């Protein structure tokens, strides 16, 4: 399905080491003619890390998309009632957010955005990035893989030698995953 002209919600959660990769893919979507609406979890919006300052990321994302970041639960809640997005992606999606979504815990802006968006039976794409994907988060990933309207960007082990339980999506597959999800299909293979 053609992505140009689509309204895409784009959530970022606390896997700060992958922000550069996800912003690069966000930029591709904007260049394709998509309307991208950024959403950030509390931590991704507020915390400075060794990967960059929060305000620098905020400024860059808002300039790139031309939209203010949704960063509170109150501003995320109207997403569903207003049918704001054709599709919503969370990338990076941390193990913490995977657990929230799996257990329907709606206590962050990104979790609220997903919950609100799903009320319209529209697709949610997960671009996972977590150090415990093959341990503590595995059960929650499995739950979401079996739920309607959830689609995953293909993922792989991050570094099997030094981080054997860590998995990360291949951010270069975001565009294709969005296209497939809009058709109600999971791109494959899910694991690379």
C-alpha atoms as a PDB file:
ATOM      1  CA  UNK A   1       0.000   0.000   0.000  1.00  0.00           C
ATOM      2  CA  UNK A   2       1.200   3.496  -0.815  1.00  0.00           C
ATOM      3  CA  UNK A   3       2.335   5.383   2.304  1.00  0.00           C
ATOM      4  CA  UNK A   4       2.376   8.897   0.835  1.00  0.00           C
ATOM      5  CA  UNK A   5      -0.356  10.994   2.377  1.00  0.00           C
ATOM      6  CA  UNK A   6      -0.905   8.609   5.297  1.00  0.00           C
ATOM      7  CA  UNK A   7      -1.124   9.926   8.858  1.00  0.00           C
ATOM      8  CA  UNK A   8       1.422   7.988  10.881  1.00  0.00           C
ATOM      9  CA  UNK A   9       1.728   8.141  14.666  1.00  0.00           C
ATOM     10  CA  UNK A  10       5.373   7.519  15.587  1.00  0.00           C
ATOM     11  CA  UNK A  11       6.102   6.561  19.189  1.00  0.00           C
ATOM     12  CA  UNK A  12       9.557   6.490  20.727  1.00  0.00           C
ATOM     13  CA  UNK A  13      10.344   4.804  24.024  1.00  0.00           C
ATOM     14  CA  UNK A  14      13.477   4.492  26.144  1.00  0.00           C
ATOM     15  CA  UNK A  15      15.889   2.520  23.980  1.00  0.00           C
ATOM     16  CA  UNK A  16      18.018   5.642  23.552  1.00  0.00           C
ATOM     17  CA  UNK A  17      20.837   3.887  21.696  1.00  0.00           C
ATOM     18  CA  UNK A  18      18.548   3.437  18.669  1.00  0.00           C
ATOM     19  CA  UNK A  19      17.170   6.994  18.437  1.00  0.00           C
ATOM     20  CA  UNK A  20      19.526   7.894  15.554  1.00  0.00           C
ATOM     21  CA  UNK A  21      18.343   4.875  13.532  1.00  0.00           C
ATOM     22  CA  UNK A  22      14.663   5.591  14.138  1.00  0.00           C
ATOM     23  CA  UNK A  23      14.968   9.306  13.345  1.00  0.00           C
ATOM     24  CA  UNK A  24      16.605   8.356  10.043  1.00  0.00           C
ATOM     25  CA  UNK A  25      13.570   6.188   9.185  1.00  0.00           C
ATOM     26  CA  UNK A  26      11.201   8.922  10.348  1.00  0.00           C
ATOM     27  CA  UNK A  27      12.932  11.278   7.919  1.00  0.00           C
ATOM     28  CA  UNK A  28      12.408   8.788   5.063  1.00  0.00           C
ATOM     29  CA  UNK A  29       8.687   8.698   5.807  1.00  0.00           C
ATOM     30  CA  UNK A  30       8.456  12.492   5.772  1.00  0.00           C
ATOM     31  CA  UNK A  31      10.330  12.615   2.442  1.00  0.00           C
ATOM     32  CA  UNK A  32       7.852  10.061   1.038  1.00  0.00           C
ATOM     33  CA  UNK A  33       5.024  12.472   1.795  1.00  0.00           C
ATOM     34  CA  UNK A  34       3.727  10.903   5.012  1.00  0.00           C
ATOM     35  CA  UNK A  35       2.314  13.063   7.782  1.00  0.00           C
ATOM     36  CA  UNK A  36       4.284  11.951  10.839  1.00  0.00           C
ATOM     37  CA  UNK A  37       3.055  12.752  14.355  1.00  0.00           C
ATOM     38  CA  UNK A  38       5.680  12.029  17.035  1.00  0.00           C
ATOM     39  CA  UNK A  39       4.813  10.611  20.452  1.00  0.00           C
ATOM     40  CA  UNK A  40       7.347  10.123  23.232  1.00  0.00           C
ATOM     41  CA  UNK A  41       7.254   8.235  26.512  1.00  0.00           C
ATOM     42  CA  UNK A  42       7.942  10.209  29.667  1.00  0.00           C
ATOM     43  CA  UNK A  43      11.547   8.967  29.834  1.00  0.00           C
ATOM     44  CA  UNK A  44      12.372   9.471  26.174  1.00  0.00           C
ATOM     45  CA  UNK A  45      10.999  13.019  26.395  1.00  0.00           C
ATOM     46  CA  UNK A  46      12.782  13.984  29.620  1.00  0.00           C
ATOM     47  CA  UNK A  47      16.050  12.094  30.064  1.00  0.00           C
ATOM     48  CA  UNK A  48      19.471  13.142  28.846  1.00  0.00           C
ATOM     49  CA  UNK A  49      21.673  10.115  28.188  1.00  0.00           C
ATOM     50  CA  UNK A  50      25.105   9.342  26.773  1.00  0.00           C
ATOM     51  CA  UNK A  51      23.336   9.110  23.400  1.00  0.00           C
ATOM     52  CA  UNK A  52      22.139  12.720  23.459  1.00  0.00           C
ATOM     53  CA  UNK A  53      20.201  15.414  25.234  1.00  0.00           C
ATOM     54  CA  UNK A  54      16.423  15.080  25.372  1.00  0.00           C
ATOM     55  CA  UNK A  55      15.835  18.659  24.205  1.00  0.00           C
ATOM     56  CA  UNK A  56      18.096  18.149  21.177  1.00  0.00           C
ATOM     57  CA  UNK A  57      16.067  15.084  20.133  1.00  0.00           C
ATOM     58  CA  UNK A  58      12.800  16.953  20.732  1.00  0.00           C
ATOM     59  CA  UNK A  59      13.929  19.924  18.631  1.00  0.00           C
ATOM     60  CA  UNK A  60      15.161  17.675  15.819  1.00  0.00           C
ATOM     61  CA  UNK A  61      12.016  15.540  15.696  1.00  0.00           C
ATOM     62  CA  UNK A  62       9.653  18.509  15.805  1.00  0.00           C
ATOM     63  CA  UNK A  63      11.587  20.311  13.064  1.00  0.00           C
ATOM     64  CA  UNK A  64      11.680  17.161  10.934  1.00  0.00           C
ATOM     65  CA  UNK A  65       7.974  16.332  11.237  1.00  0.00           C
ATOM     66  CA  UNK A  66       6.566  19.833  11.565  1.00  0.00           C
ATOM     67  CA  UNK A  67       4.482  18.588  14.504  1.00  0.00           C
ATOM     68  CA  UNK A  68       4.729  19.053  18.254  1.00  0.00           C
ATOM     69  CA  UNK A  69       5.515  15.883  20.168  1.00  0.00           C
ATOM     70  CA  UNK A  70       2.657  14.260  22.041  1.00  0.00           C
ATOM     71  CA  UNK A  71       4.240  13.651  25.457  1.00  0.00           C
ATOM     72  CA  UNK A  72       1.438  13.448  28.006  1.00  0.00           C
ATOM     73  CA  UNK A  73      -1.303  10.931  28.630  1.00  0.00           C
ATOM     74  CA  UNK A  74      -3.898  13.670  28.244  1.00  0.00           C
ATOM     75  CA  UNK A  75      -2.724  14.648  24.756  1.00  0.00           C
ATOM     76  CA  UNK A  76      -2.441  10.996  23.660  1.00  0.00           C
ATOM     77  CA  UNK A  77      -5.955   9.984  24.731  1.00  0.00           C
ATOM     78  CA  UNK A  78      -7.831  11.778  21.858  1.00  0.00           C
ATOM     79  CA  UNK A  79      -5.876   9.841  19.201  1.00  0.00           C
ATOM     80  CA  UNK A  80      -8.547   7.146  18.945  1.00  0.00           C
ATOM     81  CA  UNK A  81     -11.705   9.233  19.275  1.00  0.00           C
ATOM     82  CA  UNK A  82     -10.391  11.678  16.668  1.00  0.00           C
ATOM     83  CA  UNK A  83      -9.145   8.831  14.421  1.00  0.00           C
ATOM     84  CA  UNK A  84      -5.910  10.755  14.029  1.00  0.00           C
ATOM     85  CA  UNK A  85      -3.732   8.041  12.452  1.00  0.00           C
ATOM     86  CA  UNK A  86      -4.004   5.489   9.686  1.00  0.00           C
ATOM     87  CA  UNK A  87      -1.275   3.507  11.417  1.00  0.00           C
ATOM     88  CA  UNK A  88       0.875   3.851  14.520  1.00  0.00           C
ATOM     89  CA  UNK A  89       4.436   2.636  14.989  1.00  0.00           C
ATOM     90  CA  UNK A  90       6.429   2.384  18.209  1.00  0.00           C
ATOM     91  CA  UNK A  91      10.138   2.316  17.361  1.00  0.00           C
ATOM     92  CA  UNK A  92      12.142   1.875  19.408  1.00  0.00           C
ATOM     93  CA  UNK A  93       9.769  -0.114  21.549  1.00  0.00           C
ATOM     94  CA  UNK A  94      11.490  -1.048  24.801  1.00  0.00           C
ATOM     95  CA  UNK A  95      10.866  -4.224  26.782  1.00  0.00           C
ATOM     96  CA  UNK A  96       9.220  -2.031  29.397  1.00  0.00           C
ATOM     97  CA  UNK A  97       6.677  -0.751  26.855  1.00  0.00           C
ATOM     98  CA  UNK A  98       6.161  -4.267  25.462  1.00  0.00           C
ATOM     99  CA  UNK A  99       5.228  -5.363  29.008  1.00  0.00           C
ATOM    100  CA  UNK A 100       2.830  -2.443  29.400  1.00  0.00           C
ATOM    101  CA  UNK A 101       1.087  -3.215  26.108  1.00  0.00           C
ATOM    102  CA  UNK A 102       0.992  -6.944  26.808  1.00  0.00           C
ATOM    103  CA  UNK A 103      -0.685  -6.379  30.181  1.00  0.00           C
ATOM    104  CA  UNK A 104      -2.796  -3.378  29.131  1.00  0.00           C
ATOM    105  CA  UNK A 105      -1.058  -1.018  31.548  1.00  0.00           C
ATOM    106  CA  UNK A 106      -1.777   2.451  30.228  1.00  0.00           C
ATOM    107  CA  UNK A 107       0.440   4.774  32.244  1.00  0.00           C
ATOM    108  CA  UNK A 108       2.626   6.479  29.617  1.00  0.00           C
ATOM    109  CA  UNK A 109       1.864   8.648  26.577  1.00  0.00           C
ATOM    110  CA  UNK A 110       2.976   5.916  24.159  1.00  0.00           C
ATOM    111  CA  UNK A 111       0.910   3.201  25.863  1.00  0.00           C
ATOM    112  CA  UNK A 112      -2.120   5.518  25.845  1.00  0.00           C
ATOM    113  CA  UNK A 113      -1.542   6.321  22.166  1.00  0.00           C
ATOM    114  CA  UNK A 114      -1.527   2.613  21.291  1.00  0.00           C
ATOM    115  CA  UNK A 115      -4.616   1.860  23.385  1.00  0.00           C
ATOM    116  CA  UNK A 116      -6.508   4.817  21.962  1.00  0.00           C
ATOM    117  CA  UNK A 117      -5.472   4.006  18.374  1.00  0.00           C
ATOM    118  CA  UNK A 118      -6.447   0.324  18.692  1.00  0.00           C
ATOM    119  CA  UNK A 119     -10.058   1.215  19.509  1.00  0.00           C
ATOM    120  CA  UNK A 120     -10.431   1.900  15.769  1.00  0.00           C
ATOM    121  CA  UNK A 121      -9.101  -1.565  14.776  1.00  0.00           C
ATOM    122  CA  UNK A 122      -6.172   0.091  13.018  1.00  0.00           C
ATOM    123  CA  UNK A 123      -2.660  -1.410  12.853  1.00  0.00           C
ATOM    124  CA  UNK A 124       0.098  -0.889  15.399  1.00  0.00           C
ATOM    125  CA  UNK A 125       3.659  -1.687  14.321  1.00  0.00           C
ATOM    126  CA  UNK A 126       6.263  -2.599  16.935  1.00  0.00           C
ATOM    127  CA  UNK A 127       9.964  -1.945  16.285  1.00  0.00           C
ATOM    128  CA  UNK A 128      11.412  -3.729  19.268  1.00  0.00           C
ATOM    129  CA  UNK A 129      14.700  -2.849  20.948  1.00  0.00           C
ATOM    130  CA  UNK A 130      15.371  -4.463  24.314  1.00  0.00           C
ATOM    131  CA  UNK A 131      18.226  -6.092  26.177  1.00  0.00           C
ATOM    132  CA  UNK A 132      15.933  -8.759  27.640  1.00  0.00           C
ATOM    133  CA  UNK A 133      13.994  -9.823  24.533  1.00  0.00           C
ATOM    134  CA  UNK A 134      15.135 -13.428  24.827  1.00  0.00           C
ATOM    135  CA  UNK A 135      14.568 -13.601  28.571  1.00  0.00           C
ATOM    136  CA  UNK A 136      12.119 -11.525  30.651  1.00  0.00           C
ATOM    137  CA  UNK A 137      10.417  -9.797  27.712  1.00  0.00           C
ATOM    138  CA  UNK A 138       9.998 -12.939  25.594  1.00  0.00           C
ATOM    139  CA  UNK A 139       6.632 -13.881  27.111  1.00  0.00           C
ATOM    140  CA  UNK A 140       5.250 -10.395  26.489  1.00  0.00           C
ATOM    141  CA  UNK A 141       6.534 -10.350  22.916  1.00  0.00           C
ATOM    142  CA  UNK A 142       4.782 -13.677  22.352  1.00  0.00           C
ATOM    143  CA  UNK A 143       1.515 -12.266  23.649  1.00  0.00           C
ATOM    144  CA  UNK A 144       1.629  -9.315  21.264  1.00  0.00           C
ATOM    145  CA  UNK A 145       2.604 -11.523  18.330  1.00  0.00           C
ATOM    146  CA  UNK A 146      -0.684 -13.333  18.876  1.00  0.00           C
ATOM    147  CA  UNK A 147      -2.895 -10.254  19.187  1.00  0.00           C
ATOM    148  CA  UNK A 148      -4.925  -8.744  16.413  1.00  0.00           C
ATOM    149  CA  UNK A 149      -3.718  -5.490  14.858  1.00  0.00           C
ATOM    150  CA  UNK A 150      -0.120  -5.814  16.127  1.00  0.00           C
ATOM    151  CA  UNK A 151       2.662  -6.191  13.561  1.00  0.00           C
ATOM    152  CA  UNK A 152       6.399  -6.445  14.159  1.00  0.00           C
ATOM    153  CA  UNK A 153       9.312  -4.943  12.280  1.00  0.00           C
ATOM    154  CA  UNK A 154      11.644  -7.920  11.620  1.00  0.00           C
ATOM    155  CA  UNK A 155      14.169  -8.295  14.441  1.00  0.00           C
ATOM    156  CA  UNK A 156      17.367 -10.145  15.302  1.00  0.00           C
ATOM    157  CA  UNK A 157      19.774 -10.669  18.140  1.00  0.00           C
ATOM    158  CA  UNK A 158      21.565  -7.413  18.798  1.00  0.00           C
ATOM    159  CA  UNK A 159      24.958  -8.896  19.648  1.00  0.00           C
ATOM    160  CA  UNK A 160      24.865 -12.632  20.437  1.00  0.00           C
ATOM    161  CA  UNK A 161      28.338 -12.612  22.016  1.00  0.00           C
ATOM    162  CA  UNK A 162      28.208  -9.703  24.469  1.00  0.00           C
ATOM    163  CA  UNK A 163      24.405  -9.334  24.792  1.00  0.00           C
ATOM    164  CA  UNK A 164      22.978 -12.812  24.162  1.00  0.00           C
ATOM    165  CA  UNK A 165      19.408 -11.955  25.253  1.00  0.00           C
ATOM    166  CA  UNK A 166      19.184  -8.600  23.474  1.00  0.00           C
ATOM    167  CA  UNK A 167      17.065  -8.158  20.343  1.00  0.00           C
ATOM    168  CA  UNK A 168      16.608  -5.181  18.056  1.00  0.00           C
ATOM    169  CA  UNK A 169      14.497  -4.589  14.993  1.00  0.00           C
ATOM    170  CA  UNK A 170      16.094  -3.864  11.645  1.00  0.00           C
ATOM    171  CA  UNK A 171      15.035  -0.242  11.289  1.00  0.00           C
ATOM    172  CA  UNK A 172      15.509  -0.380   7.506  1.00  0.00           C
ATOM    173  CA  UNK A 173      12.382  -2.586   7.364  1.00  0.00           C
ATOM    174  CA  UNK A 174      10.090   0.042   8.896  1.00  0.00           C
ATOM    175  CA  UNK A 175       8.657   1.321   5.608  1.00  0.00           C
ATOM    176  CA  UNK A 176       7.922  -2.163   4.269  1.00  0.00           C
ATOM    177  CA  UNK A 177       6.432  -3.282   7.594  1.00  0.00           C
ATOM    178  CA  UNK A 178       4.098  -0.276   7.586  1.00  0.00           C
ATOM    179  CA  UNK A 179       3.013  -1.058   4.017  1.00  0.00           C
ATOM    180  CA  UNK A 180       2.277  -4.690   4.864  1.00  0.00           C
ATOM    181  CA  UNK A 181       0.492  -3.804   8.116  1.00  0.00           C
ATOM    182  CA  UNK A 182      -1.822  -1.398   6.296  1.00  0.00           C
ATOM    183  CA  UNK A 183      -2.861  -4.413   4.202  1.00  0.00           C
ATOM    184  CA  UNK A 184      -3.405  -6.488   7.364  1.00  0.00           C
ATOM    185  CA  UNK A 185      -0.307  -8.636   6.790  1.00  0.00           C
ATOM    186  CA  UNK A 186       2.794  -9.371   8.843  1.00  0.00           C
ATOM    187  CA  UNK A 187       5.981  -8.967   6.825  1.00  0.00           C
ATOM    188  CA  UNK A 188       8.213 -12.016   7.028  1.00  0.00           C
ATOM    189  CA  UNK A 189      10.372 -13.423   8.202  1.00  0.00           C
ATOM    190  CA  UNK A 190       9.825 -11.805  11.590  1.00  0.00           C
ATOM    191  CA  UNK A 191      13.192 -13.034  12.875  1.00  0.00           C
ATOM    192  CA  UNK A 192      16.213 -12.275  10.713  1.00  0.00           C
END
